[in-house]
């Protein structure tokens, strides 16, 4: 590899430091599981539901999922065009789409990159919430799976979140957020896990890496119940990483059944995400090629070159 030798040495040193700092928990699986058992309100093995049981439970109602995608032209803020779209789709094919466009130069030309990033997150959240609400109100949806934690919708788009929440409760639709990335540091707030707080970062996903057996889920009320939501951790796939789901406090009686449903919908050799959400993600994704094609076709060349083409993209190598 054409890389300076010092970089390799530093990588090797960093690898050892990471092992020394964070790997100790993996050598204490029995101890950590004892602590989890002590703290947990629910610590159970999920079940795969039979087709007959699932059909009977849904009682003719539908399962659906919602996801969104955003991509951008190659440039630096604010010289960027963002393209958004979201879809809420039931397993019978019924779908609701939403889309948006964001050009900071036209709307927020004087804002800093952080403000633009927040606007980007808000717009995507709004589209996803509107798509989900539209499908819930037009069809008989028993369960709506959202790609990502419900909590972030409450932060990024509070008004639209409340509208979806009220609609779901009114129509008895279970609203479930499925999280692939767990970035919380809640376990170390418990007295029994206080010793792990000495690490620079003590994320729950790192402490629980390899700690749960496949198809296990855990819920600890003192750290996973806030802002009207209940969140759980689970390991659905063959990989040792955890995922999670959250639901409305008003629907907590369905927590175990939702865990079993997600277990049923997730391939046992997969990465731990329900197959329907992966299907929707593939359908909704805005690729770089699509962005380039749309901009090339609908934005004049002189406008593209003035605002949205970086000089380094025209390097001869």
C-alpha atoms as a PDB file:
ATOM      1  CA  UNK A   1       0.000   0.000   0.000  1.00  0.00           C
ATOM      2  CA  UNK A   2       1.175   3.496  -0.857  1.00  0.00           C
ATOM      3  CA  UNK A   3       1.002   4.834   2.695  1.00  0.00           C
ATOM      4  CA  UNK A   4       3.587   6.275   5.069  1.00  0.00           C
ATOM      5  CA  UNK A   5       4.930   3.742   7.592  1.00  0.00           C
ATOM      6  CA  UNK A   6       4.113   6.032  10.538  1.00  0.00           C
ATOM      7  CA  UNK A   7       0.393   5.685   9.810  1.00  0.00           C
ATOM      8  CA  UNK A   8       0.638   1.886  10.066  1.00  0.00           C
ATOM      9  CA  UNK A   9       2.488   2.116  13.380  1.00  0.00           C
ATOM     10  CA  UNK A  10      -0.110   4.510  14.793  1.00  0.00           C
ATOM     11  CA  UNK A  11      -2.935   2.239  13.658  1.00  0.00           C
ATOM     12  CA  UNK A  12      -1.329  -0.714  15.422  1.00  0.00           C
ATOM     13  CA  UNK A  13      -0.843   1.321  18.595  1.00  0.00           C
ATOM     14  CA  UNK A  14      -4.444   2.560  18.482  1.00  0.00           C
ATOM     15  CA  UNK A  15      -5.689  -0.993  17.987  1.00  0.00           C
ATOM     16  CA  UNK A  16      -3.946  -2.089  21.165  1.00  0.00           C
ATOM     17  CA  UNK A  17      -5.258   0.888  23.143  1.00  0.00           C
ATOM     18  CA  UNK A  18      -8.823   0.139  22.018  1.00  0.00           C
ATOM     19  CA  UNK A  19      -8.420  -3.487  23.072  1.00  0.00           C
ATOM     20  CA  UNK A  20      -7.031  -2.483  26.464  1.00  0.00           C
ATOM     21  CA  UNK A  21      -9.706   0.152  27.085  1.00  0.00           C
ATOM     22  CA  UNK A  22     -12.884  -1.431  25.767  1.00  0.00           C
ATOM     23  CA  UNK A  23     -12.407  -5.171  25.401  1.00  0.00           C
ATOM     24  CA  UNK A  24     -12.482  -6.000  29.105  1.00  0.00           C
ATOM     25  CA  UNK A  25     -16.272  -6.233  29.130  1.00  0.00           C
ATOM     26  CA  UNK A  26     -16.220  -9.003  26.539  1.00  0.00           C
ATOM     27  CA  UNK A  27     -14.196 -11.151  28.907  1.00  0.00           C
ATOM     28  CA  UNK A  28     -16.868 -10.766  31.603  1.00  0.00           C
ATOM     29  CA  UNK A  29     -19.995 -11.917  29.795  1.00  0.00           C
ATOM     30  CA  UNK A  30     -21.358 -13.890  32.755  1.00  0.00           C
ATOM     31  CA  UNK A  31     -20.875 -10.924  35.105  1.00  0.00           C
ATOM     32  CA  UNK A  32     -22.578  -8.468  32.762  1.00  0.00           C
ATOM     33  CA  UNK A  33     -25.503 -10.833  32.174  1.00  0.00           C
ATOM     34  CA  UNK A  34     -25.924 -11.152  35.944  1.00  0.00           C
ATOM     35  CA  UNK A  35     -26.085  -7.373  36.225  1.00  0.00           C
ATOM     36  CA  UNK A  36     -28.594  -7.191  33.356  1.00  0.00           C
ATOM     37  CA  UNK A  37     -30.773  -9.846  34.968  1.00  0.00           C
ATOM     38  CA  UNK A  38     -30.752  -7.891  38.216  1.00  0.00           C
ATOM     39  CA  UNK A  39     -31.737  -4.599  36.569  1.00  0.00           C
ATOM     40  CA  UNK A  40     -34.134  -5.768  33.844  1.00  0.00           C
ATOM     41  CA  UNK A  41     -37.913  -5.617  34.039  1.00  0.00           C
ATOM     42  CA  UNK A  42     -38.065  -7.859  30.961  1.00  0.00           C
ATOM     43  CA  UNK A  43     -35.264 -10.171  29.835  1.00  0.00           C
ATOM     44  CA  UNK A  44     -36.643 -12.824  27.560  1.00  0.00           C
ATOM     45  CA  UNK A  45     -36.131 -15.035  24.555  1.00  0.00           C
ATOM     46  CA  UNK A  46     -38.320 -13.849  21.721  1.00  0.00           C
ATOM     47  CA  UNK A  47     -40.398 -16.307  19.704  1.00  0.00           C
ATOM     48  CA  UNK A  48     -40.901 -16.660  15.981  1.00  0.00           C
ATOM     49  CA  UNK A  49     -44.613 -16.456  15.309  1.00  0.00           C
ATOM     50  CA  UNK A  50     -46.222 -19.029  13.064  1.00  0.00           C
ATOM     51  CA  UNK A  51     -47.973 -17.829   9.921  1.00  0.00           C
ATOM     52  CA  UNK A  52     -51.349 -18.898  11.306  1.00  0.00           C
ATOM     53  CA  UNK A  53     -50.749 -17.065  14.577  1.00  0.00           C
ATOM     54  CA  UNK A  54     -49.626 -13.917  12.779  1.00  0.00           C
ATOM     55  CA  UNK A  55     -52.614 -13.928  10.423  1.00  0.00           C
ATOM     56  CA  UNK A  56     -54.975 -14.480  13.342  1.00  0.00           C
ATOM     57  CA  UNK A  57     -53.414 -11.669  15.404  1.00  0.00           C
ATOM     58  CA  UNK A  58     -53.470  -9.145  12.567  1.00  0.00           C
ATOM     59  CA  UNK A  59     -57.133 -10.030  11.954  1.00  0.00           C
ATOM     60  CA  UNK A  60     -57.141  -8.810   8.383  1.00  0.00           C
ATOM     61  CA  UNK A  61     -55.234  -5.620   9.114  1.00  0.00           C
ATOM     62  CA  UNK A  62     -51.906  -4.778   7.478  1.00  0.00           C
ATOM     63  CA  UNK A  63     -48.248  -4.464   8.364  1.00  0.00           C
ATOM     64  CA  UNK A  64     -46.395  -1.455   6.944  1.00  0.00           C
ATOM     65  CA  UNK A  65     -43.048   0.286   7.110  1.00  0.00           C
ATOM     66  CA  UNK A  66     -41.751   3.812   6.543  1.00  0.00           C
ATOM     67  CA  UNK A  67     -38.330   5.009   5.452  1.00  0.00           C
ATOM     68  CA  UNK A  68     -36.789   8.071   3.867  1.00  0.00           C
ATOM     69  CA  UNK A  69     -33.714   8.946   1.867  1.00  0.00           C
ATOM     70  CA  UNK A  70     -31.693  12.089   1.233  1.00  0.00           C
ATOM     71  CA  UNK A  71     -28.755  12.700  -1.039  1.00  0.00           C
ATOM     72  CA  UNK A  72     -26.966  15.755  -2.327  1.00  0.00           C
ATOM     73  CA  UNK A  73     -24.853  17.158  -5.087  1.00  0.00           C
ATOM     74  CA  UNK A  74     -21.106  17.027  -4.564  1.00  0.00           C
ATOM     75  CA  UNK A  75     -20.171  20.332  -3.022  1.00  0.00           C
ATOM     76  CA  UNK A  76     -19.737  22.301   0.181  1.00  0.00           C
ATOM     77  CA  UNK A  77     -22.586  24.011   2.006  1.00  0.00           C
ATOM     78  CA  UNK A  78     -24.382  26.147   1.021  1.00  0.00           C
ATOM     79  CA  UNK A  79     -23.535  25.274  -2.617  1.00  0.00           C
ATOM     80  CA  UNK A  80     -25.551  22.062  -2.497  1.00  0.00           C
ATOM     81  CA  UNK A  81     -28.840  20.711  -3.715  1.00  0.00           C
ATOM     82  CA  UNK A  82     -30.501  18.224  -1.354  1.00  0.00           C
ATOM     83  CA  UNK A  83     -33.066  15.763  -2.708  1.00  0.00           C
ATOM     84  CA  UNK A  84     -35.466  14.028  -0.325  1.00  0.00           C
ATOM     85  CA  UNK A  85     -38.090  11.340  -0.645  1.00  0.00           C
ATOM     86  CA  UNK A  86     -39.946   9.072   1.784  1.00  0.00           C
ATOM     87  CA  UNK A  87     -42.271   6.129   1.420  1.00  0.00           C
ATOM     88  CA  UNK A  88     -44.723   4.377   3.686  1.00  0.00           C
ATOM     89  CA  UNK A  89     -45.602   0.986   2.257  1.00  0.00           C
ATOM     90  CA  UNK A  90     -47.819  -1.909   3.347  1.00  0.00           C
ATOM     91  CA  UNK A  91     -46.873  -5.500   2.614  1.00  0.00           C
ATOM     92  CA  UNK A  92     -49.671  -5.719   0.023  1.00  0.00           C
ATOM     93  CA  UNK A  93     -48.000  -2.960  -2.015  1.00  0.00           C
ATOM     94  CA  UNK A  94     -50.158   0.012  -1.015  1.00  0.00           C
ATOM     95  CA  UNK A  95     -47.805   2.994  -0.679  1.00  0.00           C
ATOM     96  CA  UNK A  96     -47.735   6.714   0.047  1.00  0.00           C
ATOM     97  CA  UNK A  97     -44.822   8.832  -1.213  1.00  0.00           C
ATOM     98  CA  UNK A  98     -43.580  12.275  -0.198  1.00  0.00           C
ATOM     99  CA  UNK A  99     -40.674  14.301  -1.588  1.00  0.00           C
ATOM    100  CA  UNK A 100     -38.892  17.621  -1.190  1.00  0.00           C
ATOM    101  CA  UNK A 101     -35.983  19.708  -2.450  1.00  0.00           C
ATOM    102  CA  UNK A 102     -33.709  21.942  -0.390  1.00  0.00           C
ATOM    103  CA  UNK A 103     -31.302  24.483  -1.919  1.00  0.00           C
ATOM    104  CA  UNK A 104     -29.675  26.490   0.901  1.00  0.00           C
ATOM    105  CA  UNK A 105     -28.597  29.228  -1.523  1.00  0.00           C
ATOM    106  CA  UNK A 106     -32.262  30.012  -2.205  1.00  0.00           C
ATOM    107  CA  UNK A 107     -33.609  29.663   1.322  1.00  0.00           C
ATOM    108  CA  UNK A 108     -30.824  29.910   3.888  1.00  0.00           C
ATOM    109  CA  UNK A 109     -27.846  31.277   2.018  1.00  0.00           C
ATOM    110  CA  UNK A 110     -26.363  32.993   5.052  1.00  0.00           C
ATOM    111  CA  UNK A 111     -26.746  30.105   7.488  1.00  0.00           C
ATOM    112  CA  UNK A 112     -23.830  28.065   8.746  1.00  0.00           C
ATOM    113  CA  UNK A 113     -23.349  24.395   7.965  1.00  0.00           C
ATOM    114  CA  UNK A 114     -24.717  23.273  11.361  1.00  0.00           C
ATOM    115  CA  UNK A 115     -28.011  25.081  10.755  1.00  0.00           C
ATOM    116  CA  UNK A 116     -28.260  23.564   7.288  1.00  0.00           C
ATOM    117  CA  UNK A 117     -27.660  20.105   8.778  1.00  0.00           C
ATOM    118  CA  UNK A 118     -30.519  20.613  11.230  1.00  0.00           C
ATOM    119  CA  UNK A 119     -32.788  21.768   8.429  1.00  0.00           C
ATOM    120  CA  UNK A 120     -31.828  18.668   6.455  1.00  0.00           C
ATOM    121  CA  UNK A 121     -32.718  16.353   9.362  1.00  0.00           C
ATOM    122  CA  UNK A 122     -35.996  18.167   9.977  1.00  0.00           C
ATOM    123  CA  UNK A 123     -37.129  17.992   6.363  1.00  0.00           C
ATOM    124  CA  UNK A 124     -36.438  14.274   6.114  1.00  0.00           C
ATOM    125  CA  UNK A 125     -38.247  13.586   9.395  1.00  0.00           C
ATOM    126  CA  UNK A 126     -41.274  15.607   8.257  1.00  0.00           C
ATOM    127  CA  UNK A 127     -41.497  13.659   4.999  1.00  0.00           C
ATOM    128  CA  UNK A 128     -41.328  10.304   6.777  1.00  0.00           C
ATOM    129  CA  UNK A 129     -43.946  11.324   9.331  1.00  0.00           C
ATOM    130  CA  UNK A 130     -46.297  12.646   6.654  1.00  0.00           C
ATOM    131  CA  UNK A 131     -45.949   9.487   4.567  1.00  0.00           C
ATOM    132  CA  UNK A 132     -46.659   7.262   7.581  1.00  0.00           C
ATOM    133  CA  UNK A 133     -49.629   9.331   8.666  1.00  0.00           C
ATOM    134  CA  UNK A 134     -51.072   9.366   5.161  1.00  0.00           C
ATOM    135  CA  UNK A 135     -50.974   5.567   4.891  1.00  0.00           C
ATOM    136  CA  UNK A 136     -52.407   5.074   8.388  1.00  0.00           C
ATOM    137  CA  UNK A 137     -55.314   7.376   7.605  1.00  0.00           C
ATOM    138  CA  UNK A 138     -56.022   5.843   4.188  1.00  0.00           C
ATOM    139  CA  UNK A 139     -55.638   2.151   5.028  1.00  0.00           C
ATOM    140  CA  UNK A 140     -56.161  -0.260   7.913  1.00  0.00           C
ATOM    141  CA  UNK A 141     -52.648  -0.561   9.322  1.00  0.00           C
ATOM    142  CA  UNK A 142     -52.114  -2.728  12.404  1.00  0.00           C
ATOM    143  CA  UNK A 143     -48.374  -2.071  12.776  1.00  0.00           C
ATOM    144  CA  UNK A 144     -46.312   0.765  11.344  1.00  0.00           C
ATOM    145  CA  UNK A 145     -42.549   0.183  11.470  1.00  0.00           C
ATOM    146  CA  UNK A 146     -40.463   3.363  11.306  1.00  0.00           C
ATOM    147  CA  UNK A 147     -36.818   3.206  10.254  1.00  0.00           C
ATOM    148  CA  UNK A 148     -35.122   4.766  13.262  1.00  0.00           C
ATOM    149  CA  UNK A 149     -35.998   5.626  16.837  1.00  0.00           C
ATOM    150  CA  UNK A 150     -39.308   7.373  17.430  1.00  0.00           C
ATOM    151  CA  UNK A 151     -37.562   9.709  19.862  1.00  0.00           C
ATOM    152  CA  UNK A 152     -35.666  11.508  17.099  1.00  0.00           C
ATOM    153  CA  UNK A 153     -38.929  12.407  15.321  1.00  0.00           C
ATOM    154  CA  UNK A 154     -40.122  14.069  18.498  1.00  0.00           C
ATOM    155  CA  UNK A 155     -36.990  16.243  18.431  1.00  0.00           C
ATOM    156  CA  UNK A 156     -36.641  16.949  14.709  1.00  0.00           C
ATOM    157  CA  UNK A 157     -40.302  17.515  13.800  1.00  0.00           C
ATOM    158  CA  UNK A 158     -42.397  17.851  16.934  1.00  0.00           C
ATOM    159  CA  UNK A 159     -45.619  19.089  15.325  1.00  0.00           C
ATOM    160  CA  UNK A 160     -45.724  16.380  12.651  1.00  0.00           C
ATOM    161  CA  UNK A 161     -44.739  13.780  15.248  1.00  0.00           C
ATOM    162  CA  UNK A 162     -47.697  14.669  17.445  1.00  0.00           C
ATOM    163  CA  UNK A 163     -50.021  14.437  14.452  1.00  0.00           C
ATOM    164  CA  UNK A 164     -48.785  10.934  13.617  1.00  0.00           C
ATOM    165  CA  UNK A 165     -48.901   9.859  17.258  1.00  0.00           C
ATOM    166  CA  UNK A 166     -52.513  10.993  17.654  1.00  0.00           C
ATOM    167  CA  UNK A 167     -53.493   9.349  14.379  1.00  0.00           C
ATOM    168  CA  UNK A 168     -51.890   6.043  15.397  1.00  0.00           C
ATOM    169  CA  UNK A 169     -53.591   6.011  18.790  1.00  0.00           C
ATOM    170  CA  UNK A 170     -56.960   6.951  17.285  1.00  0.00           C
ATOM    171  CA  UNK A 171     -56.771   4.115  14.748  1.00  0.00           C
ATOM    172  CA  UNK A 172     -55.199   1.576  17.111  1.00  0.00           C
ATOM    173  CA  UNK A 173     -52.068   1.331  14.980  1.00  0.00           C
ATOM    174  CA  UNK A 174     -48.969   0.140  16.804  1.00  0.00           C
ATOM    175  CA  UNK A 175     -46.184   2.636  16.108  1.00  0.00           C
ATOM    176  CA  UNK A 176     -42.736   1.020  16.306  1.00  0.00           C
ATOM    177  CA  UNK A 177     -39.350   2.624  15.687  1.00  0.00           C
ATOM    178  CA  UNK A 178     -36.545   0.201  14.800  1.00  0.00           C
ATOM    179  CA  UNK A 179     -33.030   1.480  15.536  1.00  0.00           C
ATOM    180  CA  UNK A 180     -29.933   0.157  13.846  1.00  0.00           C
ATOM    181  CA  UNK A 181     -27.581   2.542  15.637  1.00  0.00           C
ATOM    182  CA  UNK A 182     -27.693   2.631  19.453  1.00  0.00           C
ATOM    183  CA  UNK A 183     -25.853   5.762  20.617  1.00  0.00           C
ATOM    184  CA  UNK A 184     -27.151   6.046  24.187  1.00  0.00           C
ATOM    185  CA  UNK A 185     -25.047   5.791  27.359  1.00  0.00           C
ATOM    186  CA  UNK A 186     -27.773   4.687  29.756  1.00  0.00           C
ATOM    187  CA  UNK A 187     -26.382   1.528  31.352  1.00  0.00           C
ATOM    188  CA  UNK A 188     -23.589   3.377  33.151  1.00  0.00           C
ATOM    189  CA  UNK A 189     -26.178   5.476  34.999  1.00  0.00           C
ATOM    190  CA  UNK A 190     -27.139   2.322  36.901  1.00  0.00           C
ATOM    191  CA  UNK A 191     -25.178   1.681  40.072  1.00  0.00           C
ATOM    192  CA  UNK A 192     -24.279  -1.875  39.054  1.00  0.00           C
ATOM    193  CA  UNK A 193     -22.643  -0.608  35.839  1.00  0.00           C
ATOM    194  CA  UNK A 194     -20.930   2.439  37.352  1.00  0.00           C
ATOM    195  CA  UNK A 195     -17.451   0.897  37.029  1.00  0.00           C
ATOM    196  CA  UNK A 196     -17.748   0.968  33.247  1.00  0.00           C
ATOM    197  CA  UNK A 197     -18.174   4.740  33.233  1.00  0.00           C
ATOM    198  CA  UNK A 198     -14.414   5.256  33.464  1.00  0.00           C
ATOM    199  CA  UNK A 199     -14.025   4.739  29.715  1.00  0.00           C
ATOM    200  CA  UNK A 200     -13.999   7.897  27.557  1.00  0.00           C
ATOM    201  CA  UNK A 201     -17.170   6.616  25.888  1.00  0.00           C
ATOM    202  CA  UNK A 202     -19.450   3.977  27.377  1.00  0.00           C
ATOM    203  CA  UNK A 203     -22.101   3.425  24.765  1.00  0.00           C
ATOM    204  CA  UNK A 204     -24.763   0.833  25.498  1.00  0.00           C
ATOM    205  CA  UNK A 205     -24.126  -0.856  22.142  1.00  0.00           C
ATOM    206  CA  UNK A 206     -20.473  -1.442  23.105  1.00  0.00           C
ATOM    207  CA  UNK A 207     -21.232  -2.774  26.588  1.00  0.00           C
ATOM    208  CA  UNK A 208     -23.856  -5.111  25.140  1.00  0.00           C
ATOM    209  CA  UNK A 209     -21.781  -6.289  22.173  1.00  0.00           C
ATOM    210  CA  UNK A 210     -21.922 -10.083  22.308  1.00  0.00           C
ATOM    211  CA  UNK A 211     -23.787 -10.061  25.644  1.00  0.00           C
ATOM    212  CA  UNK A 212     -27.233 -11.051  24.362  1.00  0.00           C
ATOM    213  CA  UNK A 213     -27.974 -14.444  22.911  1.00  0.00           C
ATOM    214  CA  UNK A 214     -29.669 -14.480  19.536  1.00  0.00           C
ATOM    215  CA  UNK A 215     -33.352 -13.464  19.720  1.00  0.00           C
ATOM    216  CA  UNK A 216     -33.048 -12.104  23.247  1.00  0.00           C
ATOM    217  CA  UNK A 217     -34.571  -8.762  24.213  1.00  0.00           C
ATOM    218  CA  UNK A 218     -34.173  -6.676  27.346  1.00  0.00           C
ATOM    219  CA  UNK A 219     -36.111  -3.772  28.817  1.00  0.00           C
ATOM    220  CA  UNK A 220     -35.024  -1.770  31.884  1.00  0.00           C
ATOM    221  CA  UNK A 221     -37.733   0.667  32.901  1.00  0.00           C
ATOM    222  CA  UNK A 222     -35.526   3.054  34.882  1.00  0.00           C
ATOM    223  CA  UNK A 223     -33.366   3.915  31.858  1.00  0.00           C
ATOM    224  CA  UNK A 224     -35.563   3.022  28.873  1.00  0.00           C
ATOM    225  CA  UNK A 225     -38.786   4.859  29.688  1.00  0.00           C
ATOM    226  CA  UNK A 226     -38.851   8.565  28.881  1.00  0.00           C
ATOM    227  CA  UNK A 227     -40.786  11.205  26.982  1.00  0.00           C
ATOM    228  CA  UNK A 228     -43.812   8.954  26.574  1.00  0.00           C
ATOM    229  CA  UNK A 229     -41.822   6.188  24.904  1.00  0.00           C
ATOM    230  CA  UNK A 230     -40.496   2.765  25.898  1.00  0.00           C
ATOM    231  CA  UNK A 231     -37.306   1.529  24.227  1.00  0.00           C
ATOM    232  CA  UNK A 232     -35.782  -1.938  24.255  1.00  0.00           C
ATOM    233  CA  UNK A 233     -32.571  -3.624  23.166  1.00  0.00           C
ATOM    234  CA  UNK A 234     -32.514  -6.847  21.219  1.00  0.00           C
ATOM    235  CA  UNK A 235     -30.271  -9.119  19.207  1.00  0.00           C
ATOM    236  CA  UNK A 236     -32.104 -10.497  16.195  1.00  0.00           C
ATOM    237  CA  UNK A 237     -29.397 -11.466  13.717  1.00  0.00           C
ATOM    238  CA  UNK A 238     -26.431 -13.794  13.849  1.00  0.00           C
ATOM    239  CA  UNK A 239     -24.064 -10.864  14.407  1.00  0.00           C
ATOM    240  CA  UNK A 240     -23.268  -9.966  18.056  1.00  0.00           C
ATOM    241  CA  UNK A 241     -24.400  -6.353  17.668  1.00  0.00           C
ATOM    242  CA  UNK A 242     -27.638  -5.112  19.191  1.00  0.00           C
ATOM    243  CA  UNK A 243     -30.498  -3.218  17.618  1.00  0.00           C
ATOM    244  CA  UNK A 244     -33.486  -1.690  19.355  1.00  0.00           C
ATOM    245  CA  UNK A 245     -37.083  -0.696  19.051  1.00  0.00           C
ATOM    246  CA  UNK A 246     -39.306   1.796  20.786  1.00  0.00           C
ATOM    247  CA  UNK A 247     -43.058   2.256  21.037  1.00  0.00           C
ATOM    248  CA  UNK A 248     -45.632   4.575  22.529  1.00  0.00           C
ATOM    249  CA  UNK A 249     -46.154   4.421  26.272  1.00  0.00           C
ATOM    250  CA  UNK A 250     -49.884   3.932  25.673  1.00  0.00           C
ATOM    251  CA  UNK A 251     -49.115   0.745  23.731  1.00  0.00           C
ATOM    252  CA  UNK A 252     -46.763  -0.852  26.243  1.00  0.00           C
ATOM    253  CA  UNK A 253     -49.013  -3.910  26.694  1.00  0.00           C
ATOM    254  CA  UNK A 254     -47.876  -4.993  23.228  1.00  0.00           C
ATOM    255  CA  UNK A 255     -44.148  -4.799  23.976  1.00  0.00           C
ATOM    256  CA  UNK A 256     -43.486  -8.555  24.083  1.00  0.00           C
ATOM    257  CA  UNK A 257     -45.638  -9.236  21.024  1.00  0.00           C
ATOM    258  CA  UNK A 258     -43.817  -6.546  19.036  1.00  0.00           C
ATOM    259  CA  UNK A 259     -40.522  -8.169  19.984  1.00  0.00           C
ATOM    260  CA  UNK A 260     -41.815 -11.506  18.691  1.00  0.00           C
ATOM    261  CA  UNK A 261     -43.103  -9.850  15.514  1.00  0.00           C
ATOM    262  CA  UNK A 262     -39.732  -8.229  14.775  1.00  0.00           C
ATOM    263  CA  UNK A 263     -38.026 -11.552  15.480  1.00  0.00           C
ATOM    264  CA  UNK A 264     -40.363 -13.217  12.983  1.00  0.00           C
ATOM    265  CA  UNK A 265     -39.733 -10.592  10.302  1.00  0.00           C
ATOM    266  CA  UNK A 266     -35.928 -10.686  10.612  1.00  0.00           C
ATOM    267  CA  UNK A 267     -33.742 -13.284   8.846  1.00  0.00           C
ATOM    268  CA  UNK A 268     -31.868 -15.328  11.434  1.00  0.00           C
ATOM    269  CA  UNK A 269     -28.605 -14.987   9.481  1.00  0.00           C
ATOM    270  CA  UNK A 270     -29.097 -11.301   8.750  1.00  0.00           C
ATOM    271  CA  UNK A 271     -27.816  -8.140  10.414  1.00  0.00           C
ATOM    272  CA  UNK A 272     -30.762  -7.781  12.767  1.00  0.00           C
ATOM    273  CA  UNK A 273     -33.148  -5.542  10.810  1.00  0.00           C
ATOM    274  CA  UNK A 274     -36.659  -6.642   9.762  1.00  0.00           C
ATOM    275  CA  UNK A 275     -36.698  -7.661   6.097  1.00  0.00           C
ATOM    276  CA  UNK A 276     -39.580  -5.331   5.205  1.00  0.00           C
ATOM    277  CA  UNK A 277     -37.627  -2.258   6.307  1.00  0.00           C
ATOM    278  CA  UNK A 278     -34.637  -3.382   4.248  1.00  0.00           C
ATOM    279  CA  UNK A 279     -36.942  -3.838   1.255  1.00  0.00           C
ATOM    280  CA  UNK A 280     -38.299  -0.305   1.642  1.00  0.00           C
ATOM    281  CA  UNK A 281     -34.813   1.129   2.139  1.00  0.00           C
ATOM    282  CA  UNK A 282     -33.721  -0.359  -1.180  1.00  0.00           C
ATOM    283  CA  UNK A 283     -36.779   1.045  -2.949  1.00  0.00           C
ATOM    284  CA  UNK A 284     -36.523   4.553  -1.542  1.00  0.00           C
ATOM    285  CA  UNK A 285     -32.766   5.120  -1.731  1.00  0.00           C
ATOM    286  CA  UNK A 286     -31.612   8.132  -3.742  1.00  0.00           C
ATOM    287  CA  UNK A 287     -28.326   7.086  -5.345  1.00  0.00           C
ATOM    288  CA  UNK A 288     -25.440   9.311  -6.401  1.00  0.00           C
ATOM    289  CA  UNK A 289     -26.126   8.339 -10.006  1.00  0.00           C
ATOM    290  CA  UNK A 290     -29.755   9.436  -9.705  1.00  0.00           C
ATOM    291  CA  UNK A 291     -28.770  12.795  -8.192  1.00  0.00           C
ATOM    292  CA  UNK A 292     -26.220  13.424 -10.930  1.00  0.00           C
ATOM    293  CA  UNK A 293     -28.713  12.474 -13.631  1.00  0.00           C
ATOM    294  CA  UNK A 294     -31.494  14.696 -12.314  1.00  0.00           C
ATOM    295  CA  UNK A 295     -29.258  17.719 -11.829  1.00  0.00           C
ATOM    296  CA  UNK A 296     -27.653  17.283 -15.253  1.00  0.00           C
ATOM    297  CA  UNK A 297     -31.051  17.058 -16.913  1.00  0.00           C
ATOM    298  CA  UNK A 298     -32.936  19.823 -15.114  1.00  0.00           C
ATOM    299  CA  UNK A 299     -30.308  22.395 -14.044  1.00  0.00           C
ATOM    300  CA  UNK A 300     -28.723  24.514 -16.767  1.00  0.00           C
ATOM    301  CA  UNK A 301     -25.039  23.853 -17.351  1.00  0.00           C
ATOM    302  CA  UNK A 302     -23.935  27.403 -16.522  1.00  0.00           C
ATOM    303  CA  UNK A 303     -25.854  27.279 -13.220  1.00  0.00           C
ATOM    304  CA  UNK A 304     -24.348  23.875 -12.402  1.00  0.00           C
ATOM    305  CA  UNK A 305     -20.813  25.050 -13.055  1.00  0.00           C
ATOM    306  CA  UNK A 306     -21.270  28.303 -11.125  1.00  0.00           C
ATOM    307  CA  UNK A 307     -22.862  26.892  -7.991  1.00  0.00           C
ATOM    308  CA  UNK A 308     -22.762  23.114  -7.803  1.00  0.00           C
ATOM    309  CA  UNK A 309     -19.550  21.814  -9.429  1.00  0.00           C
ATOM    310  CA  UNK A 310     -16.361  21.633  -7.374  1.00  0.00           C
ATOM    311  CA  UNK A 311     -13.124  22.358  -9.226  1.00  0.00           C
ATOM    312  CA  UNK A 312     -11.448  19.247  -7.863  1.00  0.00           C
ATOM    313  CA  UNK A 313     -14.027  17.067  -9.601  1.00  0.00           C
ATOM    314  CA  UNK A 314     -12.472  18.195 -12.857  1.00  0.00           C
ATOM    315  CA  UNK A 315      -8.970  17.028 -11.964  1.00  0.00           C
ATOM    316  CA  UNK A 316      -7.439  14.855 -14.707  1.00  0.00           C
ATOM    317  CA  UNK A 317      -6.819  11.954 -12.280  1.00  0.00           C
END
